[in-house]
N, C-alpha and C. Protein backbone atom coordinates (compact mmCIF):
# COMPACT_ATOMS: atom_id res chain seq x y z
N PRO A 1 104.88 133.32 144.91
CA PRO A 1 105.94 133.83 144.07
C PRO A 1 107.20 133.39 143.94
N GLU A 2 107.97 133.20 143.13
CA GLU A 2 109.18 132.97 142.94
C GLU A 2 110.18 133.99 143.51
N ARG A 3 111.18 133.77 144.08
CA ARG A 3 112.23 134.31 144.25
C ARG A 3 113.27 133.64 144.05
N VAL A 4 114.43 134.72 143.42
CA VAL A 4 115.48 134.06 142.65
C VAL A 4 116.67 134.82 142.79
N SER A 5 117.75 134.22 143.08
CA SER A 5 118.99 135.20 143.07
C SER A 5 119.15 136.03 144.29
N PRO A 6 118.99 135.79 145.49
CA PRO A 6 119.34 136.62 146.50
C PRO A 6 120.82 136.84 146.49
N MET A 7 121.25 138.08 146.80
CA MET A 7 122.29 138.76 147.02
C MET A 7 122.96 139.69 147.79
N PHE A 8 123.88 139.84 148.70
CA PHE A 8 124.00 141.12 149.51
C PHE A 8 124.52 142.08 148.84
N SER A 9 124.27 143.45 149.38
CA SER A 9 124.93 144.37 148.68
C SER A 9 126.47 144.43 149.38
N PRO A 10 127.50 145.22 148.56
CA PRO A 10 128.46 145.12 149.07
C PRO A 10 128.97 145.61 150.50
N ASP A 11 127.94 146.65 150.94
CA ASP A 11 128.12 146.89 152.28
C ASP A 11 126.96 145.88 153.15
N ALA A 12 126.49 144.99 153.00
CA ALA A 12 125.78 143.87 153.70
C ALA A 12 124.86 144.75 154.06
N GLN A 13 124.20 145.92 153.63
CA GLN A 13 123.13 146.46 154.15
C GLN A 13 121.54 146.26 153.77
N ARG A 14 121.72 145.69 152.33
CA ARG A 14 120.48 144.95 151.70
C ARG A 14 120.78 143.85 151.12
N ILE A 15 119.66 143.37 150.94
CA ILE A 15 119.59 141.91 150.19
C ILE A 15 118.45 142.09 148.71
N TYR A 16 119.39 141.85 148.04
CA TYR A 16 118.54 141.98 146.67
C TYR A 16 118.11 140.86 145.93
N PHE A 17 117.07 140.85 145.38
CA PHE A 17 116.50 139.32 145.07
C PHE A 17 115.29 139.87 143.60
N GLN A 18 115.19 138.83 142.78
CA GLN A 18 114.19 138.91 141.72
C GLN A 18 113.02 138.46 142.06
N SER A 19 111.52 138.66 141.85
CA SER A 19 110.55 138.22 142.24
C SER A 19 109.76 138.57 141.26
N ASP A 20 108.45 137.43 141.21
CA ASP A 20 107.58 137.67 140.35
C ASP A 20 106.17 137.89 140.79
N ARG A 21 106.45 138.54 142.46
CA ARG A 21 105.07 138.75 143.17
C ARG A 21 104.20 139.65 142.74
N HIS A 22 104.25 140.75 141.72
CA HIS A 22 103.38 141.30 141.13
C HIS A 22 103.36 141.02 139.97
N GLY A 23 103.40 139.90 139.17
CA GLY A 23 102.65 139.18 138.09
C GLY A 23 104.07 139.25 137.05
N LYS A 24 104.98 140.13 137.34
CA LYS A 24 106.22 139.97 136.35
C LYS A 24 107.60 140.26 137.10
N GLN A 25 108.55 139.77 136.45
CA GLN A 25 109.97 139.89 137.19
C GLN A 25 110.58 141.18 137.69
N ALA A 26 110.81 141.59 138.51
CA ALA A 26 111.11 142.52 138.91
C ALA A 26 112.52 142.42 140.13
N LEU A 27 113.30 143.40 140.47
CA LEU A 27 114.29 143.60 141.34
C LEU A 27 113.83 144.23 142.50
N TYR A 28 114.07 143.65 143.54
CA TYR A 28 113.62 144.20 144.97
C TYR A 28 114.97 144.17 145.82
N ALA A 29 114.88 144.94 146.72
CA ALA A 29 115.74 145.07 147.79
C ALA A 29 115.23 145.30 149.36
N LEU A 30 115.84 144.70 150.14
CA LEU A 30 115.19 144.67 151.38
C LEU A 30 116.67 145.04 152.55
N HIS A 31 116.38 146.06 153.26
CA HIS A 31 117.10 146.46 154.40
C HIS A 31 117.18 145.39 155.19
N VAL A 32 118.48 144.97 155.48
CA VAL A 32 118.86 143.71 156.46
C VAL A 32 118.19 143.84 157.90
N GLU A 33 118.28 145.10 158.26
CA GLU A 33 117.94 145.17 159.80
C GLU A 33 116.72 145.35 159.83
N ARG A 34 115.78 145.73 158.88
CA ARG A 34 114.36 145.80 159.00
C ARG A 34 114.23 144.45 159.19
N LEU A 35 114.59 143.51 158.16
CA LEU A 35 114.19 142.02 157.87
C LEU A 35 114.45 141.59 159.22
N VAL A 36 115.83 141.85 159.72
CA VAL A 36 115.71 141.31 161.02
C VAL A 36 114.87 141.74 161.93
N GLU A 37 114.56 142.90 162.12
CA GLU A 37 113.55 143.26 163.29
C GLU A 37 112.07 142.60 163.07
N ARG A 38 111.86 142.12 161.89
CA ARG A 38 110.40 141.51 161.44
C ARG A 38 110.31 139.95 161.82
N ILE A 39 111.67 139.68 161.89
CA ILE A 39 111.96 138.11 162.04
C ILE A 39 111.77 138.01 163.39
N GLU A 40 112.22 138.66 164.22
CA GLU A 40 112.43 139.15 165.86
C GLU A 40 110.95 139.12 166.23
N GLU A 41 110.22 140.06 165.66
CA GLU A 41 108.68 140.29 166.17
C GLU A 41 107.69 139.01 165.71
N ASP A 42 107.96 138.34 164.80
CA ASP A 42 107.42 137.10 164.32
C ASP A 42 107.69 136.25 165.51
N SER A 43 108.74 136.17 165.72
CA SER A 43 109.21 134.95 166.76
C SER A 43 109.07 135.18 168.25
N GLN A 44 108.34 136.41 168.53
CA GLN A 44 107.75 136.65 169.95
C GLN A 44 106.31 136.02 170.05
């Protein structure tokens, strides 16, 4: 899937991006803290 235009929220707690991962464009938000935890788990 294509991911486009990542952008931080004003408080830097979330990353917003567009993706077509379910077949049509949509806006998604990821909590930065959860993303960091996931990356740390994957690197162990």
